[in-house]
Protein backbone atom coordinates (compact mmCIF):
# COMPACT_ATOMS: atom_id res chain seq x y z
CA UNK A 1 -112.27 -39.76 36.27
CA UNK A 2 -112.67 -36.44 34.42
CA UNK A 3 -109.59 -35.26 32.56
CA UNK A 4 -107.24 -37.41 34.62
CA UNK A 5 -105.55 -40.39 32.95
CA UNK A 6 -104.94 -43.55 34.98
CA UNK A 7 -102.76 -46.49 33.94
CA UNK A 8 -102.83 -49.50 36.28
CA UNK A 9 -104.26 -47.27 38.99
CA UNK A 10 -101.50 -44.65 38.65
CA UNK A 11 -102.39 -41.03 37.91
CA UNK A 12 -100.12 -40.30 34.95
CA UNK A 13 -100.58 -36.54 35.21
CA UNK A 14 -99.55 -36.46 38.88
CA UNK A 15 -96.57 -38.72 38.12
CA UNK A 16 -95.37 -36.46 35.29
CA UNK A 17 -95.75 -33.38 37.50
CA UNK A 18 -93.72 -35.06 40.26
CA UNK A 19 -90.93 -35.95 37.81
CA UNK A 20 -90.90 -32.40 36.42
CA UNK A 21 -90.67 -30.96 39.95
CA UNK A 22 -87.70 -33.20 40.75
CA UNK A 23 -85.86 -32.27 37.55
CA UNK A 24 -86.57 -28.54 37.93
CA UNK A 25 -85.49 -28.56 41.58
CA UNK A 26 -82.21 -30.30 40.71
CA UNK A 27 -81.51 -27.84 37.87
CA UNK A 28 -82.34 -24.82 40.05
CA UNK A 29 -80.10 -26.09 42.86
CA UNK A 30 -77.18 -26.63 40.51
CA UNK A 31 -77.57 -23.14 39.06
CA UNK A 32 -77.95 -21.70 42.56
CA UNK A 33 -74.70 -23.38 43.68
CA UNK A 34 -72.83 -21.88 40.74
CA UNK A 35 -74.20 -18.43 41.51
CA UNK A 36 -73.53 -18.85 45.25
CA UNK A 37 -69.84 -19.64 44.71
CA UNK A 38 -69.50 -16.56 42.49
CA UNK A 39 -71.45 -14.47 45.01
CA UNK A 40 -69.22 -15.53 47.91
CA UNK A 41 -66.01 -14.84 46.02
CA UNK A 42 -67.26 -11.43 44.91
CA UNK A 43 -68.53 -10.34 48.33
CA UNK A 44 -65.36 -11.44 50.13
CA UNK A 45 -63.20 -9.71 47.53
CA UNK A 46 -65.18 -6.49 48.06
CA UNK A 47 -64.78 -6.77 51.83
CA UNK A 48 -61.02 -7.27 51.38
CA UNK A 49 -60.70 -4.46 48.81
CA UNK A 50 -59.93 -6.85 45.94
CA UNK A 51 -61.49 -7.30 42.49
CA UNK A 52 -62.35 -10.99 42.66
CA UNK A 53 -63.28 -13.12 39.61
CA UNK A 54 -63.63 -10.92 36.53
CA UNK A 55 -62.41 -12.93 33.53
CA UNK A 56 -65.01 -15.55 32.54
CA UNK A 57 -68.31 -13.93 31.62
CA UNK A 58 -69.69 -10.55 32.68
CA UNK A 59 -68.42 -9.63 36.16
CA UNK A 60 -66.79 -13.08 36.31
CA UNK A 61 -70.16 -14.83 36.71
CA UNK A 62 -69.03 -17.83 34.60
CA UNK A 63 -65.83 -18.37 36.59
CA UNK A 64 -67.44 -21.17 38.61
CA UNK A 65 -68.47 -22.96 35.41
CA UNK A 66 -64.91 -22.67 34.09
CA UNK A 67 -63.51 -24.07 37.35
CA UNK A 68 -65.97 -26.97 37.22
CA UNK A 69 -64.99 -27.85 33.65
CA UNK A 70 -61.31 -27.69 34.64
CA UNK A 71 -61.88 -30.07 37.58
CA UNK A 72 -63.87 -32.45 35.38
CA UNK A 73 -60.92 -32.95 33.02
CA UNK A 74 -58.25 -33.30 35.71
CA UNK A 75 -56.73 -36.70 36.51
CA UNK A 76 -58.62 -38.75 39.09
CA UNK A 77 -56.03 -40.11 41.54
CA UNK A 78 -56.48 -43.00 43.96
CA UNK A 79 -54.15 -43.24 47.01
CA UNK A 80 -52.39 -46.58 47.42
CA UNK A 81 -53.59 -47.03 51.03
CA UNK A 82 -57.18 -46.01 50.31
CA UNK A 83 -60.24 -48.20 50.80
CA UNK A 84 -61.37 -48.06 47.18
CA UNK A 85 -65.12 -48.62 47.63
CA UNK A 86 -65.62 -46.26 50.58
CA UNK A 87 -63.30 -43.67 48.99
CA UNK A 88 -65.52 -43.55 45.90
CA UNK A 89 -68.86 -43.58 47.75
CA UNK A 90 -68.04 -40.88 50.35
CA UNK A 91 -68.49 -37.81 48.04
CA UNK A 92 -72.02 -38.96 47.15
CA UNK A 93 -72.88 -39.44 50.82
CA UNK A 94 -71.94 -35.78 51.32
CA UNK A 95 -73.94 -34.53 48.31
CA UNK A 96 -77.18 -36.54 48.44
CA UNK A 97 -78.45 -35.27 51.85
CA UNK A 98 -78.34 -31.68 50.61
CA UNK A 99 -80.38 -32.61 47.53
CA UNK A 100 -82.94 -34.65 49.46
CA UNK A 101 -83.43 -32.14 52.30
CA UNK A 102 -84.34 -29.41 49.81
CA UNK A 103 -87.24 -31.54 48.56
CA UNK A 104 -89.25 -30.83 51.74
CA UNK A 105 -88.79 -27.04 51.55
CA UNK A 106 -91.93 -25.14 50.42
CA UNK A 107 -90.74 -22.33 48.17
CA UNK A 108 -94.19 -20.97 47.34
CA UNK A 109 -97.92 -21.52 47.48
CA UNK A 110 -100.00 -23.62 45.08
CA UNK A 111 -100.68 -23.38 41.34
CA UNK A 112 -103.08 -25.23 39.06
CA UNK A 113 -101.52 -27.16 36.16
CA UNK A 114 -103.68 -29.35 33.87
CA UNK A 115 -106.48 -29.52 36.45
CA UNK A 116 -103.97 -30.58 39.12
CA UNK A 117 -103.38 -28.45 42.21
CA UNK A 118 -99.60 -28.40 42.48
CA UNK A 119 -97.68 -27.32 45.57
CA UNK A 120 -94.42 -25.50 44.87
CA UNK A 121 -92.60 -28.15 46.84
CA UNK A 122 -91.25 -31.51 45.69
CA UNK A 123 -92.73 -33.47 48.61
CA UNK A 124 -94.54 -32.79 51.86
CA UNK A 125 -94.21 -35.92 54.00
CA UNK A 126 -96.07 -35.84 57.33
CA UNK A 127 -92.76 -36.60 59.07
CA UNK A 128 -90.75 -33.96 57.23
CA UNK A 129 -88.84 -32.74 60.30
CA UNK A 130 -87.73 -36.28 61.15
CA UNK A 131 -86.63 -36.62 57.52
CA UNK A 132 -84.56 -33.44 57.96
CA UNK A 133 -82.89 -34.66 61.16
CA UNK A 134 -82.17 -38.11 59.71
CA UNK A 135 -80.52 -36.77 56.56
CA UNK A 136 -78.50 -34.15 58.41
CA UNK A 137 -77.08 -37.04 60.45
CA UNK A 138 -76.26 -39.01 57.31
CA UNK A 139 -74.18 -36.07 56.02
CA UNK A 140 -71.70 -36.79 58.82
CA UNK A 141 -70.81 -40.11 57.23
CA UNK A 142 -69.68 -38.52 53.97
CA UNK A 143 -67.11 -36.35 55.73
CA UNK A 144 -66.02 -39.01 58.21
CA UNK A 145 -65.65 -41.84 55.71
CA UNK A 146 -63.84 -39.62 53.20
CA UNK A 147 -61.10 -38.91 55.73
CA UNK A 148 -60.90 -42.46 57.06
CA UNK A 149 -60.86 -44.15 53.65
CA UNK A 150 -58.07 -41.96 52.22
CA UNK A 151 -55.37 -43.86 54.12
CA UNK A 152 -53.57 -40.63 55.06
CA UNK A 153 -52.98 -39.04 58.45
CA UNK A 154 -54.20 -35.50 57.70
CA UNK A 155 -57.59 -36.61 56.29
CA UNK A 156 -57.94 -39.03 59.22
CA UNK A 157 -57.46 -36.20 61.73
CA UNK A 158 -60.00 -34.13 59.81
CA UNK A 159 -62.54 -36.97 59.88
CA UNK A 160 -62.06 -37.46 63.63
CA UNK A 161 -62.70 -33.77 64.17
CA UNK A 162 -65.72 -33.91 61.87
CA UNK A 163 -67.31 -36.85 63.68
CA UNK A 164 -66.92 -35.22 67.10
CA UNK A 165 -67.95 -31.75 65.90
CA UNK A 166 -71.01 -32.73 63.89
CA UNK A 167 -72.38 -35.20 66.42
CA UNK A 168 -71.93 -32.66 69.23
CA UNK A 169 -73.82 -29.90 67.44
CA UNK A 170 -76.47 -32.30 66.12
CA UNK A 171 -77.95 -32.47 69.63
CA UNK A 172 -78.31 -28.70 69.95
CA UNK A 173 -79.81 -28.46 66.47
CA UNK A 174 -82.37 -31.16 67.26
CA UNK A 175 -83.44 -29.45 70.49
CA UNK A 176 -83.97 -26.14 68.69
CA UNK A 177 -86.09 -27.87 66.04
CA UNK A 178 -88.20 -29.52 68.75
CA UNK A 179 -89.05 -26.04 70.02
CA UNK A 180 -90.50 -25.19 66.59
CA UNK A 181 -92.45 -28.45 66.52
CA UNK A 182 -93.95 -27.69 69.95
CA UNK A 183 -95.20 -24.30 68.72
CA UNK A 184 -96.48 -25.54 65.34
CA UNK A 185 -97.95 -28.87 66.57
CA UNK A 186 -96.80 -30.59 63.37
CA UNK A 187 -93.84 -32.31 61.74
CA UNK A 188 -94.85 -31.20 58.25
CA UNK A 189 -92.86 -28.28 56.85
CA UNK A 190 -95.86 -26.89 54.94
CA UNK A 191 -97.98 -26.97 58.09
CA UNK A 192 -95.17 -25.19 59.97
CA UNK A 193 -95.16 -22.48 57.29
CA UNK A 194 -98.96 -22.22 57.37
CA UNK A 195 -98.88 -21.73 61.17
CA UNK A 196 -96.71 -18.62 60.66
CA UNK A 197 -98.71 -17.11 57.81
CA UNK A 198 -101.10 -14.79 59.64
CA UNK A 199 -98.59 -12.01 60.43
CA UNK A 200 -94.90 -11.31 60.97
CA UNK A 201 -95.37 -11.58 64.73
CA UNK A 202 -96.44 -15.21 64.25
CA UNK A 203 -93.09 -16.19 62.76
CA UNK A 204 -91.45 -18.81 64.94
CA UNK A 205 -88.42 -16.60 65.58
CA UNK A 206 -90.78 -14.50 67.74
CA UNK A 207 -93.14 -17.23 68.99
CA UNK A 208 -90.37 -19.44 70.33
CA UNK A 209 -88.14 -16.60 71.45
CA UNK A 210 -84.93 -15.86 69.65
CA UNK A 211 -82.95 -18.53 71.55
CA UNK A 212 -83.89 -21.57 69.37
CA UNK A 213 -83.10 -19.62 66.21
CA UNK A 214 -79.67 -18.54 67.50
CA UNK A 215 -78.88 -22.10 68.64
CA UNK A 216 -80.04 -23.51 65.29
CA UNK A 217 -78.00 -20.98 63.31
CA UNK A 218 -74.80 -21.66 65.27
CA UNK A 219 -75.32 -25.44 65.19
CA UNK A 220 -75.95 -25.44 61.45
CA UNK A 221 -72.80 -23.38 60.88
CA UNK A 222 -70.83 -26.06 62.74
CA UNK A 223 -72.66 -28.85 60.89
CA UNK A 224 -71.73 -27.32 57.55
CA UNK A 225 -68.06 -26.87 58.57
CA UNK A 226 -68.33 -23.20 57.73
CA UNK A 227 -66.04 -20.58 59.31
CA UNK A 228 -65.42 -20.04 62.18
CA UNK A 229 -66.08 -23.79 62.66
CA UNK A 230 -64.11 -25.13 59.68
CA UNK A 231 -61.68 -27.16 61.78
CA UNK A 232 -62.25 -30.30 59.71
CA UNK A 233 -60.60 -28.57 56.75
CA UNK A 234 -58.05 -26.47 58.75
CA UNK A 235 -55.61 -25.60 55.93
CA UNK A 236 -53.03 -24.19 58.35
CA UNK A 237 -52.61 -27.48 60.23
CA UNK A 238 -54.32 -30.24 58.19
CA UNK A 239 -53.36 -29.22 54.62
CA UNK A 240 -56.95 -29.58 53.40
CA UNK A 241 -58.60 -31.76 55.98
CA UNK A 242 -60.80 -34.70 55.12
CA UNK A 243 -60.66 -34.13 51.32
CA UNK A 244 -56.87 -33.68 51.03
CA UNK A 245 -56.42 -36.79 48.86
CA UNK A 246 -59.40 -36.11 46.57
CA UNK A 247 -58.93 -34.75 43.05
CA UNK A 248 -60.89 -34.16 39.88
CA UNK A 249 -64.63 -34.87 39.91
CA UNK A 250 -64.75 -36.30 43.43
CA UNK A 251 -63.21 -33.15 44.88
CA UNK A 252 -65.74 -31.13 42.86
CA UNK A 253 -68.53 -33.16 44.49
CA UNK A 254 -67.31 -32.15 47.96
CA UNK A 255 -67.08 -28.54 46.83
CA UNK A 256 -70.57 -28.79 45.38
CA UNK A 257 -71.93 -30.42 48.53
CA UNK A 258 -70.59 -27.66 50.79
CA UNK A 259 -72.37 -24.86 48.94
CA UNK A 260 -75.50 -26.89 48.25
CA UNK A 261 -75.76 -27.63 51.97
CA UNK A 262 -75.35 -23.91 52.64
CA UNK A 263 -78.27 -23.05 50.35
CA UNK A 264 -80.42 -25.88 51.68
CA UNK A 265 -79.91 -25.04 55.35
CA UNK A 266 -80.52 -21.34 54.72
CA UNK A 267 -83.83 -22.36 53.13
CA UNK A 268 -84.59 -24.57 56.14
CA UNK A 269 -83.96 -21.65 58.52
CA UNK A 270 -86.33 -19.48 56.50
CA UNK A 271 -88.94 -22.27 56.60
CA UNK A 272 -88.71 -23.01 60.31
CA UNK A 273 -88.28 -19.53 61.78
CA UNK A 274 -89.14 -16.81 59.23
CA UNK A 275 -92.41 -17.89 57.67
CA UNK A 276 -91.00 -19.50 54.53
CA UNK A 277 -92.65 -17.88 51.49
CA UNK A 278 -94.97 -15.80 53.69
CA UNK A 279 -95.08 -12.09 52.92
CA UNK A 280 -97.37 -9.37 51.58
CA UNK A 281 -98.82 -10.29 48.18
CA UNK A 282 -100.29 -8.30 45.31
CA UNK A 283 -103.12 -8.94 42.86
CA UNK A 284 -100.81 -9.45 39.88
CA UNK A 285 -99.12 -12.87 39.65
CA UNK A 286 -100.14 -13.91 43.14
CA UNK A 287 -98.24 -17.23 42.83
CA UNK A 288 -94.94 -15.40 42.12
CA UNK A 289 -94.78 -13.17 45.20
CA UNK A 290 -94.34 -16.01 47.75
CA UNK A 291 -91.46 -17.36 45.66
CA UNK A 292 -89.81 -13.94 45.58
CA UNK A 293 -90.23 -13.52 49.34
CA UNK A 294 -88.68 -16.93 49.92
CA UNK A 295 -85.71 -16.16 47.65
CA UNK A 296 -85.17 -12.77 49.30
CA UNK A 297 -85.08 -14.20 52.82
CA UNK A 298 -82.75 -17.01 51.73
CA UNK A 299 -80.33 -14.59 50.05
CA UNK A 300 -80.15 -12.57 53.28
CA UNK A 301 -78.98 -15.65 55.20
CA UNK A 302 -76.50 -16.55 52.48
CA UNK A 303 -75.03 -13.06 52.68
CA UNK A 304 -74.73 -13.37 56.48
CA UNK A 305 -72.79 -16.63 56.07
CA UNK A 306 -70.40 -14.97 53.63
CA UNK A 307 -70.03 -12.01 55.99
CA UNK A 308 -69.18 -14.34 58.88
CA UNK A 309 -66.56 -16.11 56.77
CA UNK A 310 -64.88 -12.82 55.91
CA UNK A 311 -65.03 -11.38 59.43
CA UNK A 312 -64.33 -14.13 61.99
CA UNK A 313 -61.15 -16.17 62.60
CA UNK A 314 -61.20 -19.92 63.11
CA UNK A 315 -61.90 -21.11 66.66
CA UNK A 316 -59.66 -23.44 68.63
CA UNK A 317 -60.96 -26.99 68.88
CA UNK A 318 -61.44 -26.85 72.66
CA UNK A 319 -63.46 -23.63 72.25
CA UNK A 320 -65.58 -25.34 69.62
CA UNK A 321 -66.43 -28.29 71.87
CA UNK A 322 -66.96 -26.08 74.93
CA UNK A 323 -69.45 -23.93 73.02
CA UNK A 324 -71.44 -26.98 71.96
CA UNK A 325 -71.50 -28.99 75.17
CA UNK A 326 -71.36 -26.28 77.85
CA UNK A 327 -73.54 -23.57 76.31
CA UNK A 328 -75.67 -24.58 73.32
CA UNK A 329 -76.97 -27.93 74.58
CA UNK A 330 -77.81 -26.77 78.16
CA UNK A 331 -79.22 -23.47 76.87
CA UNK A 332 -81.44 -25.07 74.22
CA UNK A 333 -82.63 -27.74 76.66
CA UNK A 334 -83.50 -25.15 79.31
CA UNK A 335 -85.35 -22.99 76.77
CA UNK A 336 -87.23 -26.05 75.52
CA UNK A 337 -88.44 -26.68 79.08
CA UNK A 338 -89.61 -23.06 79.27
CA UNK A 339 -91.56 -23.36 76.00
CA UNK A 340 -93.14 -26.60 77.19
CA UNK A 341 -93.98 -24.89 80.50
CA UNK A 342 -95.72 -22.03 78.66
CA UNK A 343 -97.91 -24.62 76.96
CA UNK A 344 -98.98 -25.98 80.35
CA UNK A 345 -99.19 -22.83 82.47
CA UNK A 346 -97.44 -19.49 82.55
CA UNK A 347 -96.71 -19.88 86.25
CA UNK A 348 -95.13 -23.24 85.51
CA UNK A 349 -93.01 -21.57 82.82
CA UNK A 350 -91.86 -18.92 85.31
CA UNK A 351 -90.92 -21.65 87.80
CA UNK A 352 -88.99 -23.58 85.14
CA UNK A 353 -87.18 -20.43 84.03
CA UNK A 354 -86.27 -19.55 87.60
CA UNK A 355 -84.98 -23.09 88.17
CA UNK A 356 -82.88 -22.93 84.98
CA UNK A 357 -81.38 -19.56 85.98
CA UNK A 358 -80.63 -20.84 89.50
CA UNK A 359 -79.01 -23.98 88.12
CA UNK A 360 -76.91 -21.91 85.73
CA UNK A 361 -75.74 -19.63 88.57
CA UNK A 362 -74.81 -22.62 90.76
CA UNK A 363 -72.97 -24.31 87.89
CA UNK A 364 -71.17 -21.10 87.01
CA UNK A 365 -70.04 -20.55 90.59
CA UNK A 366 -68.81 -24.13 90.89
CA UNK A 367 -66.80 -23.72 87.69
CA UNK A 368 -65.29 -20.47 89.00
CA UNK A 369 -64.34 -22.11 92.31
CA UNK A 370 -62.79 -25.14 90.62
CA UNK A 371 -60.85 -22.90 88.23
CA UNK A 372 -59.58 -20.79 91.15
CA UNK A 373 -58.42 -23.94 92.97
CA UNK A 374 -56.56 -25.12 89.87
CA UNK A 375 -54.87 -21.75 89.53
CA UNK A 376 -53.84 -21.77 93.21
CA UNK A 377 -52.43 -25.29 92.89
CA UNK A 378 -50.55 -24.30 89.73
CA UNK A 379 -49.14 -21.19 91.44
CA UNK A 380 -47.98 -23.22 94.45
CA UNK A 381 -46.33 -25.78 92.20
CA UNK A 382 -44.60 -23.02 90.25
CA UNK A 383 -43.36 -21.34 93.43
CA UNK A 384 -41.91 -24.62 94.74
CA UNK A 385 -40.16 -25.18 91.44
CA UNK A 386 -38.82 -21.60 91.36
CA UNK A 387 -37.22 -21.80 94.83
CA UNK A 388 -35.72 -25.24 94.22
CA UNK A 389 -32.02 -24.84 93.26
CA UNK A 390 -30.16 -27.25 91.05
CA UNK A 391 -27.13 -28.57 93.06
CA UNK A 392 -23.66 -27.95 91.73
CA UNK A 393 -21.33 -30.76 90.86
CA UNK A 394 -20.26 -32.59 94.02
CA UNK A 395 -22.81 -30.72 96.20
CA UNK A 396 -25.40 -32.54 98.27
CA UNK A 397 -29.02 -31.54 97.60
CA UNK A 398 -31.37 -30.98 100.57
CA UNK A 399 -34.93 -32.20 99.97
CA UNK A 400 -37.94 -32.40 102.28
CA UNK A 401 -38.62 -35.71 103.96
CA UNK A 402 -41.67 -37.16 105.67
CA UNK A 403 -39.96 -37.41 109.06
CA UNK A 404 -38.55 -33.90 109.44
CA UNK A 405 -38.02 -30.55 107.83
CA UNK A 406 -35.15 -31.71 105.69
CA UNK A 407 -32.91 -34.60 104.74
CA UNK A 408 -29.93 -35.28 102.54
CA UNK A 409 -29.69 -37.04 99.26
């Protein structure tokens, strides 16, 4: 077997490399979360003309570590009305999907370690995209069960919002991912990256048109409960939302899960639409350049998320649901039909696109007509109420009757 060591049919070298990749990935993610929290606080403070964290460490870079230590030593409270088992499990249901989804993200090419060709990726399952969609759905349960199990009204309202919001935007996100799968002809994330590697013009953001990327970006923002879609946490009306009753380490897990999900989904967007670690390389340290390209693209998306948080106000809940059901889902479905039509015939794609545009025009006109009718009915009702006069004491009131123009009451 050469230099490879087998024990009971198991390649020990490959097993050790897999364990090392898992440990390194976990450590890198934890460090990245700490840096991301500091980065967000610093960028927002600069945008708001403030100083931001500047006490712990140089430029306040250790402030997140200090906050984490403080939360670790705080008292862990349990509400009297809480479901104890679900209340304790919910934070881990929110954190684990972010950890597991990052395992299918290729952050670089391949390197050779101890005669083993190692991919800079924890795992590359052939059904990686289905793994992504399944785990992103599981993340809903952490938020929903945390609010329900707290036994308090504000967390319950936050969990109800979360369940409706996340499930609604899950459909649009899935349709945008299907568009990438149709172009790449694979469910493997490494194969999807390899299909984009020839040039920048082969990145999926250009091959699929910009529509799936925009839909995916908006849907992921809603899935992560990031502003302007942070209605599950709504401090102005729900105190703190689904995690109002959580303290100490369990609250820290929710905080950790939010930023870890942000990093993971930014990496997924880079993988699906922007070529992953693809970029111009150089002769020196050829394995390092793909990693640097991947990190650079991911940081750009993280900065955009921080920028959005600082710039946009929170949406109303009806606007949130209208955007998901009336725009993102029909738009992504129509664009998916166009992409499938291009794969069959360009004339078929033109026909599908024309049909989608015609259907949108008809739907839009019907909505305008129905809205105009409602406004006319409301105006008529208001005018009838304005001309009706409240009778004085002892005065008979004249009201319309079915038999004639007026009657007495």
